[in-house]
Protein backbone atom coordinates (compact mmCIF):
# COMPACT_ATOMS: atom_id res chain seq x y z
CA MET A 1 35.34 162.73 118.56
CA VAL A 2 36.14 160.35 115.71
CA VAL A 3 33.41 158.70 113.63
CA GLY A 4 34.50 155.44 112.01
CA GLY A 5 36.68 152.67 113.37
CA GLY A 6 38.63 151.61 110.31
CA ILE A 7 42.38 152.14 110.27
CA ALA A 8 41.89 155.83 109.35
CA GLY A 9 39.65 156.46 112.35
CA LEU A 10 41.90 154.52 114.71
CA VAL A 11 45.01 156.43 113.63
CA ALA A 12 43.13 159.74 113.84
CA ALA A 13 41.91 158.92 117.34
CA ARG A 14 45.39 157.94 118.43
CA GLY A 15 46.81 161.17 117.01
CA LEU A 16 44.19 163.35 118.69
CA ALA A 17 44.75 161.58 122.00
CA ALA A 18 48.49 162.16 121.70
CA SER A 19 47.78 165.90 121.44
CA GLY A 20 46.23 165.82 124.91
CA ARG A 21 42.54 165.47 124.05
CA ASP A 22 39.94 163.15 125.53
CA VAL A 23 38.89 161.17 122.47
CA LEU A 24 35.85 158.98 121.88
CA LEU A 25 35.74 156.84 118.74
CA LEU A 26 32.32 155.74 117.50
CA GLU A 27 32.01 152.69 115.24
CA GLY A 28 28.67 151.55 113.85
CA SER A 29 29.56 147.87 113.49
CA PRO A 30 30.29 145.44 116.35
CA GLN A 31 34.07 145.64 115.86
CA VAL A 32 36.74 148.09 114.81
CA GLY A 33 39.22 147.53 111.99
CA GLY A 34 37.22 148.16 108.84
CA LYS A 35 38.70 146.13 106.01
CA LEU A 36 41.45 144.78 108.28
CA ARG A 37 39.97 141.59 109.66
CA SER A 38 41.01 138.06 110.58
CA ALA A 39 38.95 134.87 110.68
CA GLU A 40 39.52 131.21 111.44
CA VAL A 41 39.71 128.87 108.45
CA ALA A 42 40.50 125.18 109.03
CA GLY A 43 41.58 126.12 112.53
CA LEU A 44 44.07 128.74 111.28
CA THR A 45 43.67 132.48 111.90
CA VAL A 46 44.30 134.35 108.65
CA ASP A 47 43.45 137.66 107.00
CA VAL A 48 40.10 137.89 105.22
CA GLY A 49 40.54 141.57 104.36
CA ALA A 50 43.62 143.54 103.35
CA GLU A 51 46.66 141.27 103.76
CA ALA A 52 49.55 143.66 103.10
CA MET A 53 50.65 147.26 102.89
CA LEU A 54 53.04 149.04 100.58
CA ALA A 55 56.53 149.09 102.05
CA ARG A 56 57.69 151.84 99.68
CA ARG A 57 55.42 154.39 101.34
CA PRO A 58 56.56 155.37 104.83
CA GLU A 59 53.30 155.72 106.75
CA GLY A 60 52.54 152.04 107.35
CA LEU A 61 56.03 151.10 108.48
CA ALA A 62 56.18 154.23 110.65
CA LEU A 63 52.94 153.23 112.39
CA ALA A 64 54.28 149.73 112.98
CA THR A 65 57.37 151.23 114.60
CA GLU A 66 55.23 153.56 116.72
CA ILE A 67 53.19 150.70 118.15
CA GLY A 68 56.15 148.34 118.45
CA ALA A 69 54.90 145.85 115.86
CA GLU A 70 57.22 143.57 113.92
CA VAL A 71 56.85 143.57 110.15
CA VAL A 72 57.58 140.83 107.65
CA HIS A 73 57.93 140.82 103.88
CA PRO A 74 56.73 138.37 101.23
CA THR A 75 58.80 135.36 100.23
CA ALA A 76 60.61 135.14 96.91
CA ALA A 77 57.57 133.51 95.31
CA THR A 78 56.69 135.13 92.00
CA SER A 79 53.37 136.41 90.71
CA ALA A 80 51.66 135.54 87.44
CA VAL A 81 48.89 136.68 85.16
CA TRP A 82 46.42 134.40 83.38
CA SER A 83 46.61 135.45 79.75
CA ARG A 84 46.05 133.77 76.43
CA GLY A 85 45.30 130.36 77.94
CA ALA A 86 48.10 130.02 80.49
CA LEU A 87 49.57 131.32 83.71
CA ARG A 88 52.44 133.55 82.65
CA ALA A 89 55.17 135.24 84.67
CA MET A 90 54.24 138.80 85.55
CA PRO A 91 56.68 141.12 83.75
CA ARG A 92 58.16 143.98 85.76
CA SER A 93 56.29 147.18 85.03
CA LEU A 94 55.00 150.49 86.30
CA MET A 95 51.27 149.80 86.29
CA GLY A 96 51.64 147.83 83.08
CA VAL A 97 54.29 149.99 81.35
CA PRO A 98 57.14 147.49 80.93
CA PHE A 99 60.61 148.12 82.29
CA ASP A 100 62.02 145.59 79.81
CA LEU A 101 60.48 144.87 76.40
CA ASP A 102 62.38 141.59 76.08
CA GLN A 103 60.98 140.38 79.39
CA LEU A 104 57.49 141.37 78.29
CA ALA A 105 57.94 139.42 75.06
CA ALA A 106 59.28 136.36 76.88
CA SER A 107 56.33 136.32 79.26
CA GLY A 108 53.87 135.59 76.46
CA VAL A 109 51.26 137.86 78.06
CA LEU A 110 50.74 139.74 74.79
CA SER A 111 50.25 138.54 71.24
CA PRO A 112 52.91 139.37 68.62
CA GLU A 113 50.64 142.13 67.36
CA GLY A 114 50.23 143.53 70.85
CA LEU A 115 54.01 143.49 71.39
CA ALA A 116 54.59 145.27 68.10
CA ARG A 117 52.15 147.98 69.11
CA VAL A 118 53.92 148.50 72.43
CA ALA A 119 57.29 148.76 70.71
CA ALA A 120 55.89 151.36 68.30
CA GLU A 121 55.05 153.78 71.11
CA THR A 122 52.99 156.76 69.98
CA ASP A 123 54.09 160.17 71.24
CA THR A 124 50.60 161.32 72.18
CA PRO A 125 50.59 164.61 74.14
CA VAL A 126 49.06 164.66 77.62
CA GLY A 127 47.43 167.71 79.16
CA GLY A 128 45.31 167.52 82.29
CA ASP A 129 44.07 164.46 84.14
CA VAL A 130 43.17 161.41 82.07
CA SER A 131 42.25 157.83 82.87
CA VAL A 132 45.09 155.36 83.32
CA GLY A 133 43.71 153.13 80.58
CA ASP A 134 43.30 155.93 78.04
CA LEU A 135 46.79 157.23 78.77
CA VAL A 136 48.50 153.86 78.29
CA ALA A 137 46.33 152.80 75.35
CA ALA A 138 47.11 156.00 73.44
CA ARG A 139 50.84 155.44 73.90
CA LEU A 140 51.25 151.66 73.90
CA GLY A 141 48.03 150.12 72.61
CA ASP A 142 44.80 148.56 73.83
CA GLU A 143 46.14 145.05 74.33
CA LEU A 144 48.65 146.15 76.96
CA VAL A 145 45.82 147.87 78.81
CA ASP A 146 43.50 144.87 78.52
CA ARG A 147 46.05 142.26 79.63
CA LEU A 148 48.31 144.08 82.11
CA VAL A 149 46.96 147.45 83.19
CA GLU A 150 43.42 146.20 83.81
CA PRO A 151 44.35 143.29 86.12
CA LEU A 152 46.88 145.39 88.03
CA LEU A 153 44.41 148.21 88.67
CA GLY A 154 41.64 145.69 89.29
CA GLY A 155 43.69 144.19 92.08
CA VAL A 156 44.04 147.56 93.83
CA TYR A 157 40.77 149.37 93.09
CA ALA A 158 38.48 146.61 91.79
CA GLY A 159 37.86 149.16 89.06
CA HIS A 160 38.38 149.65 85.34
CA ALA A 161 41.49 151.22 83.86
CA ARG A 162 39.57 153.52 81.55
CA ARG A 163 37.66 155.06 84.45
CA ILE A 164 40.41 155.55 87.04
CA SER A 165 42.29 158.83 87.29
CA ALA A 166 45.98 158.67 86.39
CA ALA A 167 46.69 161.76 88.50
CA ALA A 168 45.18 160.09 91.58
CA ALA A 169 46.20 156.45 91.06
CA VAL A 170 49.55 156.60 89.24
CA PRO A 171 50.81 160.20 89.29
CA GLN A 172 54.36 159.17 88.39
CA LEU A 173 53.08 157.61 85.16
CA LEU A 174 51.29 160.83 84.22
CA ALA A 175 54.44 162.84 84.97
CA MET A 176 56.50 160.51 82.77
CA ALA A 177 54.04 160.85 79.90
CA ARG A 178 54.32 164.62 80.06
CA ARG A 179 58.12 164.37 79.86
CA GLY A 180 58.29 162.08 76.84
CA SER A 181 58.58 158.39 76.00
CA LEU A 182 57.15 156.01 78.60
CA LEU A 183 59.28 153.11 77.37
CA GLU A 184 62.54 155.06 77.47
CA GLN A 185 61.90 156.35 80.97
CA ALA A 186 60.72 152.97 82.27
CA ALA A 187 63.83 151.26 80.87
CA ALA A 188 66.00 153.75 82.75
CA VAL A 189 64.42 152.97 86.14
CA PRO A 190 67.04 151.08 88.16
CA ALA A 191 66.09 147.65 89.46
CA SER A 192 65.36 147.66 93.18
CA THR A 193 65.79 144.85 95.66
CA ALA A 194 63.76 146.65 98.34
CA PRO A 195 60.56 144.79 99.22
CA VAL A 196 57.39 146.23 97.74
CA PHE A 197 55.03 144.96 100.43
CA ALA A 198 55.03 144.38 104.17
CA ALA A 199 52.68 142.80 106.69
CA LEU A 200 52.46 141.85 110.32
CA PRO A 201 53.27 138.27 111.31
CA GLY A 202 49.92 136.78 112.15
CA GLY A 203 48.19 139.05 109.64
CA MET A 204 47.18 142.66 109.06
CA GLY A 205 44.01 141.88 111.00
CA ARG A 206 46.12 142.31 114.14
CA LEU A 207 46.86 145.96 113.36
CA PRO A 208 43.61 147.55 114.62
CA GLY A 209 43.93 146.00 118.06
CA LEU A 210 47.54 147.10 118.34
CA VAL A 211 46.60 150.68 117.43
CA VAL A 212 43.87 150.70 120.08
CA ASP A 213 46.14 149.24 122.77
CA GLY A 214 47.82 152.10 124.56
CA GLY A 215 46.25 154.58 122.16
CA GLY A 216 44.73 156.63 124.95
CA PHE A 217 41.22 156.85 123.48
CA GLU A 218 37.84 155.30 124.23
CA VAL A 219 36.04 153.07 121.72
CA ARG A 220 32.31 152.48 121.41
CA THR A 221 31.15 149.89 118.90
CA SER A 222 27.61 149.31 117.60
CA ALA A 223 27.22 153.07 117.85
CA THR A 224 25.87 154.33 114.55
CA VAL A 225 26.08 158.10 114.10
CA ARG A 226 22.89 159.30 112.42
CA ALA A 227 23.28 163.07 112.35
CA LEU A 228 25.82 165.85 112.81
CA ARG A 229 24.98 169.47 113.62
CA ARG A 230 26.82 172.61 114.63
CA THR A 231 26.45 173.99 118.17
CA THR A 232 27.64 177.16 119.83
CA GLY A 233 30.66 175.42 121.30
CA GLY A 234 31.37 172.81 118.65
CA TRP A 235 29.43 169.82 117.36
CA ALA A 236 26.56 167.54 118.37
CA LEU A 237 26.20 163.99 117.10
CA THR A 238 23.06 161.90 117.22
CA ILE A 239 23.82 158.26 117.96
CA GLY A 240 21.83 155.05 118.14
CA PRO A 241 18.45 153.87 116.90
CA THR A 242 15.75 156.34 115.98
CA THR A 243 13.61 154.99 118.83
CA HIS A 244 16.27 155.79 121.46
CA PRO A 245 18.54 158.51 120.08
CA GLU A 246 21.46 159.81 122.12
CA THR A 247 23.23 163.15 121.69
CA VAL A 248 26.98 163.45 122.23
CA GLU A 249 28.79 166.77 122.02
CA ALA A 250 32.40 167.45 121.04
CA ASP A 251 34.56 170.42 120.16
CA THR A 252 36.30 168.50 117.37
CA VAL A 253 34.95 165.86 114.97
CA VAL A 254 36.89 163.76 112.47
CA LEU A 255 34.74 161.81 109.99
CA ALA A 256 36.65 158.68 109.06
CA THR A 257 33.82 156.99 107.19
CA PRO A 258 33.37 155.95 103.55
CA ALA A 259 32.22 158.63 101.12
CA SER A 260 28.50 157.79 101.22
CA PRO A 261 27.95 158.02 105.00
CA ALA A 262 30.26 161.05 105.15
CA ALA A 263 28.07 162.75 102.54
CA ARG A 264 24.97 161.96 104.58
CA LEU A 265 26.43 163.38 107.80
CA LEU A 266 27.73 166.51 106.07
CA GLY A 267 24.52 167.19 104.18
CA GLU A 268 23.28 169.94 106.51
CA VAL A 269 26.56 171.34 107.86
CA VAL A 270 28.79 171.31 104.73
CA PRO A 271 26.45 170.81 101.76
CA ASP A 272 29.13 171.57 99.15
CA ALA A 273 31.39 168.82 100.49
CA ALA A 274 28.44 166.46 100.82
CA ALA A 275 27.50 166.97 97.18
CA GLU A 276 31.06 166.18 96.05
CA LEU A 277 31.31 163.09 98.25
CA ALA A 278 28.01 161.80 96.94
CA THR A 279 29.59 161.49 93.47
CA VAL A 280 32.36 159.14 94.67
CA GLU A 281 31.31 155.66 93.59
CA ALA A 282 32.53 152.44 95.22
CA ALA A 283 33.10 148.84 94.18
CA SER A 284 31.90 145.84 96.17
CA VAL A 285 34.18 142.83 96.43
CA ALA A 286 34.33 139.44 98.09
CA VAL A 287 37.32 137.50 99.37
CA VAL A 288 36.97 133.71 99.35
CA THR A 289 39.50 131.92 101.55
CA LEU A 290 40.09 128.22 100.96
CA ALA A 291 42.17 125.71 102.94
CA PHE A 292 43.49 122.53 101.30
CA ARG A 293 45.66 119.64 102.33
CA ALA A 294 49.20 120.53 101.23
CA GLN A 295 49.61 117.19 99.45
CA ASP A 296 46.61 117.94 97.22
CA LEU A 297 48.08 121.03 95.54
CA PRO A 298 50.18 120.81 92.36
CA ASP A 299 53.92 121.22 93.02
CA THR A 300 54.07 123.83 90.27
CA LEU A 301 52.25 126.30 92.53
CA LEU A 302 54.68 126.19 95.44
CA ASP A 303 56.82 129.03 94.04
CA ARG A 304 53.88 131.18 92.95
CA SER A 305 52.51 133.97 95.15
CA GLY A 306 49.32 134.05 93.10
CA PHE A 307 47.97 135.41 89.86
CA LEU A 308 45.81 138.16 88.37
CA VAL A 309 43.07 137.71 85.80
CA PRO A 310 42.31 140.35 83.12
CA PRO A 311 38.60 141.08 82.57
CA VAL A 312 39.10 140.25 78.88
CA GLU A 313 39.54 136.59 79.89
CA GLN A 314 35.91 136.54 81.08
CA ARG A 315 36.56 134.53 84.24
CA THR A 316 34.67 135.13 87.47
CA ILE A 317 37.58 135.62 89.86
CA LYS A 318 39.87 138.59 89.25
CA ALA A 319 42.80 137.33 91.30
CA SER A 320 44.05 134.59 93.56
CA THR A 321 46.64 134.97 96.30
CA PHE A 322 48.53 131.86 97.34
CA SER A 323 48.95 132.97 100.93
CA PHE A 324 50.82 129.80 101.88
CA ALA A 325 53.55 130.61 99.34
CA LYS A 326 53.53 134.40 99.65
CA TRP A 327 53.82 134.62 103.45
CA ALA A 328 56.09 132.35 105.47
CA TRP A 329 54.02 132.97 108.60
CA VAL A 330 50.93 131.50 106.93
CA ARG A 331 52.73 128.31 105.90
CA ASP A 332 54.25 127.99 109.37
CA LEU A 333 50.78 127.86 110.95
CA ASP A 334 50.43 124.25 109.78
CA PRO A 335 52.77 122.79 107.12
CA ASP A 336 50.12 120.18 106.26
CA VAL A 337 47.49 122.80 105.37
CA VAL A 338 47.73 125.44 102.65
CA VAL A 339 45.60 128.56 102.56
CA LEU A 340 44.83 130.63 99.49
CA ARG A 341 42.32 133.33 98.54
CA THR A 342 40.35 134.41 95.54
CA SER A 343 38.96 137.89 94.92
CA LEU A 344 35.73 138.61 93.09
CA GLY A 345 33.88 141.76 92.11
CA ARG A 346 34.59 144.83 90.01
CA HIS A 347 33.06 148.28 89.89
CA ARG A 348 29.55 148.28 88.42
CA GLU A 349 29.62 144.49 88.14
CA GLU A 350 27.88 143.67 91.42
CA THR A 351 25.83 140.89 89.83
CA THR A 352 28.83 138.61 90.32
CA LEU A 353 28.39 138.94 94.07
CA GLN A 354 24.65 138.26 94.14
CA ALA A 355 25.32 134.54 94.46
CA ALA A 356 25.16 132.90 97.87
CA ASP A 357 28.41 132.20 99.68
CA ASP A 358 28.53 128.59 98.50
CA GLY A 359 28.06 129.86 94.95
CA LEU A 360 31.11 132.12 95.25
CA VAL A 361 33.07 129.15 96.56
CA ARG A 362 31.95 127.00 93.61
CA VAL A 363 32.93 129.53 90.95
CA SER A 364 36.25 130.12 92.72
CA LEU A 365 37.01 126.40 92.69
CA ALA A 366 36.00 126.12 89.03
CA ASP A 367 38.33 128.96 88.03
CA LEU A 368 41.17 127.62 90.17
CA ALA A 369 40.79 124.24 88.51
CA ALA A 370 40.83 125.74 85.02
CA MET A 371 43.69 128.17 85.56
CA ALA A 372 45.86 126.67 88.30
CA GLY A 373 45.06 122.95 88.14
CA ILE A 374 43.65 122.85 91.67
CA THR A 375 40.98 120.15 91.65
CA ALA A 376 40.94 119.03 95.29
CA ARG A 377 38.04 119.52 97.67
CA PRO A 378 38.89 122.19 100.28
CA LEU A 379 39.09 121.34 103.96
CA ASP A 380 37.32 124.57 104.86
CA THR A 381 36.16 127.82 103.27
CA HIS A 382 35.30 131.35 104.34
CA VAL A 383 33.55 134.12 102.38
CA GLN A 384 34.05 137.74 103.37
CA ARG A 385 32.00 140.36 101.57
CA TRP A 386 33.05 144.00 101.46
CA GLY A 387 30.03 145.94 100.23
CA GLY A 388 31.10 149.27 98.74
CA GLY A 389 34.55 148.61 100.10
CA LEU A 390 36.72 150.26 97.46
CA PRO A 391 36.14 153.90 96.42
CA GLN A 392 36.66 154.67 92.76
CA TYR A 393 38.96 157.54 91.79
CA ALA A 394 37.36 158.94 88.66
CA VAL A 395 39.16 161.41 86.41
CA GLY A 396 39.34 164.72 88.26
CA HIS A 397 39.49 163.03 91.68
CA LEU A 398 42.30 165.20 93.05
CA ASP A 399 40.39 168.39 92.27
CA ARG A 400 37.29 166.92 93.89
CA VAL A 401 39.20 166.09 97.07
CA ALA A 402 40.68 169.60 97.17
CA ARG A 403 37.17 171.09 96.97
CA ILE A 404 35.90 168.78 99.70
CA ARG A 405 38.74 169.64 102.05
CA ALA A 406 38.42 173.37 101.39
CA ALA A 407 34.70 173.28 102.20
CA VAL A 408 35.23 171.20 105.36
CA ALA A 409 38.14 173.37 106.52
CA ALA A 410 35.82 176.37 106.58
CA ARG A 411 34.05 174.73 109.55
CA PRO A 412 36.42 174.91 112.56
CA GLY A 413 36.93 171.66 114.42
CA LEU A 414 35.88 169.42 111.52
CA ALA A 415 37.96 167.16 109.26
CA VAL A 416 37.54 164.12 107.01
CA CYS A 417 39.80 161.18 106.22
CA GLY A 418 39.79 157.65 104.86
CA ALA A 419 40.18 155.68 101.66
CA ALA A 420 37.99 158.06 99.64
CA TYR A 421 40.63 160.79 99.49
CA ASP A 422 44.35 160.13 99.03
CA GLY A 423 44.65 156.45 98.18
CA VAL A 424 43.02 153.12 99.06
CA GLY A 425 46.13 151.39 100.41
CA ILE A 426 46.88 151.21 104.13
CA PRO A 427 49.79 153.70 104.12
CA ALA A 428 47.77 156.24 102.10
CA VAL A 429 44.82 155.89 104.48
CA ILE A 430 47.13 156.39 107.46
CA GLY A 431 48.49 159.50 105.76
CA SER A 432 44.94 160.75 105.27
CA ALA A 433 44.28 160.36 109.00
CA ARG A 434 47.48 162.22 109.87
CA HIS A 435 46.40 165.03 107.55
CA ALA A 436 43.01 165.27 109.28
CA VAL A 437 44.58 165.43 112.74
CA ALA A 438 47.01 168.13 111.61
CA SER A 439 44.21 170.19 110.07
CA VAL A 440 42.10 170.34 113.24
CA THR A 441 45.00 170.83 115.65
CA ARG A 442 46.61 173.48 113.47
CA ALA A 443 43.41 175.53 113.42
CA GLU A 444 43.39 175.94 117.22
């Protein structure tokens, strides 16, 4: 039995079925896929959730190969950051730590004072886990954190650099800091031509259906799991409304839900794990997709894949992805229509998302006009809200996950997986599902 039909649950169900089990996947919403979802905007089917996966981690590409899916990579369009009154070329970096100081200077992202502080790196010792923002600020200054680290981490976690664990989010940066100078080590990293990201032609929203097809497991949607209890032979799950509850039994259960519902289900059977999961906070975000006539967009944007916005700039949107320029397949849908997205919402700043959908569209258009010169009226819009969609990896996250897994592992036939554990990106979530499958099959 698998609870949760996001990509973690789907991969876990497929893995359990491949081991010879009869597998039922239960999903509380009307459709599987979690944050992988497509929608129609101006007659074009595009992603309204996650639109790419890291190509430099193997799990996502391996899954694509397993299911026979083609992958594509972004175009040569370049990204930017809105800083100090202009869109500026994004300098190459490791989560904000520059590979090339001259390139950072030429970008204009930092003030002369900020650049001088970066160049005068402080050799601050690093012990245990620390936040990404505190680590980089101590070595290279606050301005680098405010104008590069914050928008980069905000794009991934919708969080704040000074609250996110370096050990969990950027372990290679923490390892570098323990070895010595960040700047010296970053400058020695060889340039790579390998693509950073990958996607499926037609969108990542296609991935859930492809995983289900031929996966060898049964799916039930609109099947909310309300309780989990131990039985003599395994586990019993209570499903459905309180007025008409249904009990389903299984010898193995994988919980592939967000931290909060996982904590609720584990409350009676693994209280220690439930208590730990209850402390994992999450950020809510919204993705606003806008379609314009191609002739109405400034020519200067055609070679941009999008831009990030640091919180210090006090804009409403935190990023915009120019899907039409970033992905050839999007532009090929209709050369006369261009599709782009904005992203709104950061951890503990949910008031931004309390506006109605048309309000989120209005503030997105206002920010796009101010920062990218887009003043046209869109042909169509779509607002996708992801309430509590991005778990926050606070300092000490890795130790917390280890305690959760140890407590769960003490109950035979039970495992957990999903974005709350090993990373929020698609490959990391797939890896989490593989780990869960291995843990329950190994124990038998």
